[in-house]
Structures are given as C-alpha cells and as structure tokens.
Amino acid sequence: MSREIERIVTEDVVPVLRATLREATELRGAVQVLADRVDRLTGELAEGELLELTKLAARVVRVFETSHTNGGGRR
C-alpha cells in the first residue's frame, strides 16, 4: 500500500502542486506590475500630471466623437 501512495503522490499530487506554484508565481508577478502602475499613477496624481492626461484624453474623445458625428461615419 505504501508504494501505491508513493505513486499517487508522485504522479498525481506533485504535478498539480508544481502547476499551482507556477501559477502563483505568475500571479504574484502580475500583481507586482499592477502595484507598480498604481504607485506611478498615485505619484502622478499627487503631482497633477494625471489631471493633464485626463484633459488630453477628453480632448481625444471629443475629436473622435465629432469626426463620427459630422459625416465622418465611413464604413
């Protein structure tokens, strides 16, 4: 019975644990990237740069909407 348990652990449990650890590592990396971006945006917000970026984005949206509203609707 001990060999059967060893086989199950080796063939079934270990691969699942390795895959889980690999996914956890990838997730941790993605969360770190997100945290870095949030830190950067927080710094920009504190410096007023985010406000400028928001104004620029709003201008782009207005231009886009105007071009599609004023006969710019090509298909």
N, C-alpha and C. Protein backbone atom coordinates (compact mmCIF):
# COMPACT_ATOMS: atom_id res chain seq x y z
N MET A 1 0.82 -1.19 0.00
CA MET A 1 0.00 0.00 0.00
C MET A 1 0.87 1.25 0.00
N SER A 2 2.02 1.19 0.62
CA SER A 2 2.91 2.34 0.68
C SER A 2 3.39 2.74 -0.71
N ARG A 3 3.65 1.77 -1.57
CA ARG A 3 4.09 2.07 -2.94
C ARG A 3 2.97 2.72 -3.73
N GLU A 4 1.77 2.31 -3.48
CA GLU A 4 0.62 2.90 -4.17
C GLU A 4 0.46 4.38 -3.77
N ILE A 5 0.62 4.67 -2.51
CA ILE A 5 0.54 6.05 -2.03
C ILE A 5 1.67 6.87 -2.64
N GLU A 6 2.85 6.30 -2.67
CA GLU A 6 4.00 6.99 -3.25
C GLU A 6 3.77 7.29 -4.73
N ARG A 7 3.20 6.33 -5.44
CA ARG A 7 2.89 6.52 -6.86
C ARG A 7 1.86 7.63 -7.05
N ILE A 8 0.82 7.63 -6.25
CA ILE A 8 -0.22 8.66 -6.34
C ILE A 8 0.37 10.04 -6.08
N VAL A 9 1.18 10.13 -5.04
CA VAL A 9 1.79 11.42 -4.70
C VAL A 9 2.70 11.87 -5.85
N THR A 10 3.53 10.98 -6.35
CA THR A 10 4.50 11.31 -7.39
C THR A 10 3.82 11.65 -8.72
N GLU A 11 2.85 10.86 -9.11
CA GLU A 11 2.24 11.01 -10.42
C GLU A 11 1.07 12.00 -10.44
N ASP A 12 0.37 12.14 -9.33
CA ASP A 12 -0.83 12.96 -9.33
C ASP A 12 -0.69 14.25 -8.52
N VAL A 13 -0.21 14.14 -7.32
CA VAL A 13 -0.19 15.29 -6.42
C VAL A 13 0.94 16.26 -6.78
N VAL A 14 2.13 15.76 -7.00
CA VAL A 14 3.28 16.62 -7.27
C VAL A 14 3.07 17.47 -8.52
N PRO A 15 2.61 16.92 -9.64
CA PRO A 15 2.38 17.77 -10.82
C PRO A 15 1.34 18.88 -10.57
N VAL A 16 0.31 18.56 -9.82
CA VAL A 16 -0.70 19.57 -9.51
C VAL A 16 -0.10 20.67 -8.65
N LEU A 17 0.70 20.29 -7.65
CA LEU A 17 1.34 21.29 -6.80
C LEU A 17 2.32 22.16 -7.59
N ARG A 18 3.08 21.55 -8.49
CA ARG A 18 4.01 22.33 -9.31
C ARG A 18 3.27 23.33 -10.18
N ALA A 19 2.19 22.90 -10.80
CA ALA A 19 1.40 23.80 -11.64
C ALA A 19 0.82 24.94 -10.81
N THR A 20 0.34 24.61 -9.63
CA THR A 20 -0.22 25.63 -8.75
C THR A 20 0.83 26.65 -8.33
N LEU A 21 2.01 26.18 -7.99
CA LEU A 21 3.10 27.08 -7.61
C LEU A 21 3.53 27.96 -8.78
N ARG A 22 3.55 27.39 -9.98
CA ARG A 22 3.91 28.15 -11.17
C ARG A 22 2.88 29.26 -11.42
N GLU A 23 1.60 28.92 -11.31
CA GLU A 23 0.55 29.91 -11.49
C GLU A 23 0.60 30.98 -10.41
N ALA A 24 0.90 30.59 -9.19
CA ALA A 24 1.01 31.57 -8.10
C ALA A 24 2.16 32.53 -8.35
N THR A 25 3.25 32.03 -8.89
CA THR A 25 4.40 32.89 -9.22
C THR A 25 4.02 33.88 -10.31
N GLU A 26 3.33 33.41 -11.34
CA GLU A 26 2.88 34.30 -12.41
C GLU A 26 1.91 35.34 -11.88
N LEU A 27 1.02 34.92 -11.03
CA LEU A 27 0.05 35.85 -10.44
C LEU A 27 0.75 36.90 -9.59
N ARG A 28 1.72 36.47 -8.81
CA ARG A 28 2.47 37.40 -7.97
C ARG A 28 3.17 38.44 -8.84
N GLY A 29 3.73 38.01 -9.96
CA GLY A 29 4.38 38.94 -10.89
C GLY A 29 3.40 39.93 -11.48
N ALA A 30 2.22 39.46 -11.85
CA ALA A 30 1.20 40.35 -12.41
C ALA A 30 0.72 41.35 -11.37
N VAL A 31 0.55 40.92 -10.15
CA VAL A 31 0.12 41.81 -9.07
C VAL A 31 1.21 42.86 -8.80
N GLN A 32 2.47 42.46 -8.89
CA GLN A 32 3.56 43.41 -8.68
C GLN A 32 3.57 44.49 -9.77
N VAL A 33 3.34 44.09 -11.02
CA VAL A 33 3.27 45.06 -12.11
C VAL A 33 2.11 46.02 -11.87
N LEU A 34 0.97 45.48 -11.48
CA LEU A 34 -0.19 46.33 -11.19
C LEU A 34 0.10 47.29 -10.05
N ALA A 35 0.73 46.80 -9.00
CA ALA A 35 1.06 47.65 -7.86
C ALA A 35 2.02 48.76 -8.27
N ASP A 36 2.98 48.44 -9.12
CA ASP A 36 3.91 49.46 -9.60
C ASP A 36 3.18 50.53 -10.40
N ARG A 37 2.23 50.12 -11.23
CA ARG A 37 1.47 51.09 -12.03
C ARG A 37 0.60 51.96 -11.14
N VAL A 38 -0.01 51.36 -10.14
CA VAL A 38 -0.84 52.14 -9.21
C VAL A 38 0.04 53.15 -8.47
N ASP A 39 1.22 52.73 -8.04
CA ASP A 39 2.15 53.65 -7.38
C ASP A 39 2.51 54.81 -8.29
N ARG A 40 2.80 54.49 -9.55
CA ARG A 40 3.17 55.54 -10.50
C ARG A 40 2.00 56.52 -10.72
N LEU A 41 0.80 55.97 -10.91
CA LEU A 41 -0.37 56.83 -11.12
C LEU A 41 -0.67 57.67 -9.88
N THR A 42 -0.46 57.09 -8.71
CA THR A 42 -0.67 57.84 -7.47
C THR A 42 0.31 59.01 -7.39
N GLY A 43 1.55 58.75 -7.77
CA GLY A 43 2.55 59.82 -7.80
C GLY A 43 2.18 60.90 -8.80
N GLU A 44 1.71 60.47 -9.98
CA GLU A 44 1.30 61.45 -10.99
C GLU A 44 0.10 62.26 -10.52
N LEU A 45 -0.80 61.60 -9.85
CA LEU A 45 -1.97 62.29 -9.33
C LEU A 45 -1.54 63.34 -8.31
N ALA A 46 -0.60 62.98 -7.46
CA ALA A 46 -0.11 63.92 -6.45
C ALA A 46 0.59 65.10 -7.10
N GLU A 47 1.20 64.88 -8.26
CA GLU A 47 1.91 65.95 -8.94
C GLU A 47 1.04 66.70 -9.94
N GLY A 48 -0.20 66.29 -10.11
CA GLY A 48 -1.11 66.97 -11.03
C GLY A 48 -0.98 66.51 -12.47
N GLU A 49 -0.09 65.55 -12.75
CA GLU A 49 0.10 65.09 -14.12
C GLU A 49 -1.10 64.30 -14.61
N LEU A 50 -1.76 63.60 -13.73
CA LEU A 50 -2.90 62.80 -14.14
C LEU A 50 -4.03 63.69 -14.64
N LEU A 51 -4.18 64.85 -14.06
CA LEU A 51 -5.19 65.80 -14.50
C LEU A 51 -4.93 66.19 -15.94
N GLU A 52 -3.68 66.45 -16.28
CA GLU A 52 -3.33 66.81 -17.66
C GLU A 52 -3.62 65.66 -18.61
N LEU A 53 -3.31 64.45 -18.19
CA LEU A 53 -3.57 63.28 -19.01
C LEU A 53 -5.07 63.10 -19.23
N THR A 54 -5.87 63.33 -18.20
CA THR A 54 -7.32 63.24 -18.30
C THR A 54 -7.86 64.28 -19.28
N LYS A 55 -7.33 65.49 -19.22
CA LYS A 55 -7.76 66.54 -20.14
C LYS A 55 -7.43 66.16 -21.58
N LEU A 56 -6.23 65.63 -21.79
CA LEU A 56 -5.83 65.21 -23.11
C LEU A 56 -6.74 64.09 -23.62
N ALA A 57 -7.03 63.12 -22.79
CA ALA A 57 -7.91 62.01 -23.18
C ALA A 57 -9.30 62.53 -23.52
N ALA A 58 -9.81 63.47 -22.75
CA ALA A 58 -11.14 64.05 -23.03
C ALA A 58 -11.13 64.75 -24.38
N ARG A 59 -10.05 65.46 -24.69
CA ARG A 59 -9.95 66.12 -25.99
C ARG A 59 -9.96 65.12 -27.13
N VAL A 60 -9.24 64.02 -26.96
CA VAL A 60 -9.20 62.98 -27.98
C VAL A 60 -10.59 62.39 -28.19
N VAL A 61 -11.29 62.14 -27.11
CA VAL A 61 -12.65 61.58 -27.22
C VAL A 61 -13.56 62.56 -27.95
N ARG A 62 -13.46 63.86 -27.63
CA ARG A 62 -14.30 64.87 -28.31
C ARG A 62 -14.00 64.91 -29.81
N VAL A 63 -12.73 64.87 -30.17
CA VAL A 63 -12.37 64.87 -31.59
C VAL A 63 -12.91 63.63 -32.27
N PHE A 64 -12.77 62.49 -31.62
CA PHE A 64 -13.27 61.23 -32.18
C PHE A 64 -14.77 61.29 -32.37
N GLU A 65 -15.50 61.75 -31.35
CA GLU A 65 -16.95 61.82 -31.44
C GLU A 65 -17.38 62.81 -32.51
N THR A 66 -16.70 63.94 -32.61
CA THR A 66 -17.04 64.95 -33.61
C THR A 66 -16.81 64.41 -35.02
N SER A 67 -15.73 63.69 -35.23
CA SER A 67 -15.45 63.16 -36.56
C SER A 67 -16.46 62.11 -36.96
N HIS A 68 -17.04 61.41 -36.01
CA HIS A 68 -18.03 60.39 -36.35
C HIS A 68 -19.44 60.95 -36.38
N THR A 69 -19.66 62.09 -35.78
CA THR A 69 -20.98 62.70 -35.76
C THR A 69 -21.19 63.60 -36.97
N ASN A 70 -20.14 64.24 -37.43
CA ASN A 70 -20.24 65.20 -38.53
C ASN A 70 -19.90 64.58 -39.88
N GLY A 71 -20.57 63.52 -40.22
CA GLY A 71 -20.38 62.91 -41.53
C GLY A 71 -19.14 62.07 -41.66
N GLY A 72 -18.47 61.81 -40.57
CA GLY A 72 -17.26 61.03 -40.63
C GLY A 72 -17.51 59.54 -40.49
N GLY A 73 -18.76 59.14 -40.57
CA GLY A 73 -19.10 57.72 -40.36
C GLY A 73 -18.88 56.89 -41.59
N ARG A 74 -17.63 56.62 -41.95
CA ARG A 74 -17.31 55.77 -43.09
C ARG A 74 -17.43 54.31 -42.71
N ARG A 75 -17.85 53.51 -43.64
CA ARG A 75 -17.96 52.07 -43.38
C ARG A 75 -17.33 51.28 -44.47
